[in-house]
């Protein structure tokens, strides 16, 4: 699973990668962070880990605006850009 989290950080257009997190009962805590008028929200919250809703979108790698601090992977950036 670690390779799945770190691999996308090798892409030039990726700055951070988050994981799909599950509760002990197998439901999703979140599979990304989305924003709407009410503010940020956890994508897939309380759906089954393997859901057929929208073609199991919570199991696909997708672009989101933010990740949570629970299990992130960040690209190492130089401190000083010349």
Protein backbone atom coordinates (compact mmCIF):
# COMPACT_ATOMS: atom_id res chain seq x y z
CA UNK A 1 0.00 0.00 0.00
CA UNK A 2 2.92 2.30 0.60
CA UNK A 3 3.97 2.16 -3.06
CA UNK A 4 0.42 3.16 -4.04
CA UNK A 5 0.68 6.19 -1.78
CA UNK A 6 4.18 7.26 -2.82
CA UNK A 7 4.07 6.42 -6.54
CA UNK A 8 1.80 9.28 -7.63
CA UNK A 9 4.14 11.77 -5.92
CA UNK A 10 6.64 11.08 -8.72
CA UNK A 11 4.34 12.91 -11.15
CA UNK A 12 5.18 16.57 -11.75
CA UNK A 13 1.56 17.67 -11.36
CA UNK A 14 1.05 16.04 -7.93
CA UNK A 15 1.92 17.73 -4.63
CA UNK A 16 0.22 15.46 -2.09
CA UNK A 17 -1.50 12.07 -2.02
CA UNK A 18 -4.04 10.81 0.50
CA UNK A 19 -5.37 7.35 1.31
CA UNK A 20 -8.87 5.91 1.49
CA UNK A 21 -9.40 5.37 5.22
CA UNK A 22 -11.83 2.81 6.63
CA UNK A 23 -13.60 2.48 9.96
CA UNK A 24 -13.31 -0.90 11.77
CA UNK A 25 -16.79 -1.87 10.49
CA UNK A 26 -15.59 -1.60 6.86
CA UNK A 27 -17.29 1.67 5.99
CA UNK A 28 -15.32 4.57 4.56
CA UNK A 29 -14.11 7.35 6.82
CA UNK A 30 -13.07 9.28 3.72
CA UNK A 31 -11.64 8.76 0.25
CA UNK A 32 -10.56 12.34 -0.33
CA UNK A 33 -11.68 15.84 0.53
CA UNK A 34 -14.13 17.79 -1.59
CA UNK A 35 -15.47 21.31 -1.24
CA UNK A 36 -18.98 22.65 -1.71
CA UNK A 37 -20.91 25.70 -0.52
CA UNK A 38 -21.07 24.44 3.08
CA UNK A 39 -17.30 23.89 3.15
CA UNK A 40 -14.99 20.86 3.04
CA UNK A 41 -16.45 17.37 3.21
CA UNK A 42 -15.11 13.81 3.30
CA UNK A 43 -15.75 12.00 0.01
CA UNK A 44 -17.49 8.63 0.42
CA UNK A 45 -18.15 9.04 4.15
CA UNK A 46 -19.96 5.97 5.57
CA UNK A 47 -20.25 4.18 2.20
CA UNK A 48 -19.21 0.49 2.13
CA UNK A 49 -15.51 0.10 1.26
CA UNK A 50 -16.45 -1.70 -1.96
CA UNK A 51 -19.47 0.19 -3.21
CA UNK A 52 -20.99 -0.11 -6.66
CA UNK A 53 -22.27 3.46 -6.46
CA UNK A 54 -20.92 5.46 -9.38
CA UNK A 55 -18.76 2.56 -10.58
CA UNK A 56 -16.90 2.23 -7.26
CA UNK A 57 -15.48 5.75 -7.62
CA UNK A 58 -14.04 5.64 -4.09
CA UNK A 59 -11.54 2.98 -5.20
CA UNK A 60 -10.20 5.00 -8.14
CA UNK A 61 -7.28 7.41 -8.03
CA UNK A 62 -8.73 10.89 -8.52
CA UNK A 63 -7.73 14.53 -8.30
CA UNK A 64 -9.02 16.39 -5.25
CA UNK A 65 -8.35 19.84 -3.89
CA UNK A 66 -7.14 18.64 -0.48
CA UNK A 67 -6.10 15.62 1.57
CA UNK A 68 -6.47 15.14 5.31
CA UNK A 69 -3.55 14.90 7.69
CA UNK A 70 -4.42 11.34 8.72
CA UNK A 71 -2.24 9.49 6.16
CA UNK A 72 -0.73 11.88 3.60
CA UNK A 73 2.25 11.54 1.31
CA UNK A 74 3.94 14.75 0.19
CA UNK A 75 6.36 15.46 -2.59
CA UNK A 76 9.74 16.65 -1.34
CA UNK A 77 10.36 20.14 -2.66
CA UNK A 78 13.62 22.10 -2.55
CA UNK A 79 13.71 24.78 0.12
CA UNK A 80 15.20 27.34 -2.21
CA UNK A 81 14.25 27.53 -5.84
CA UNK A 82 16.91 29.10 -8.06
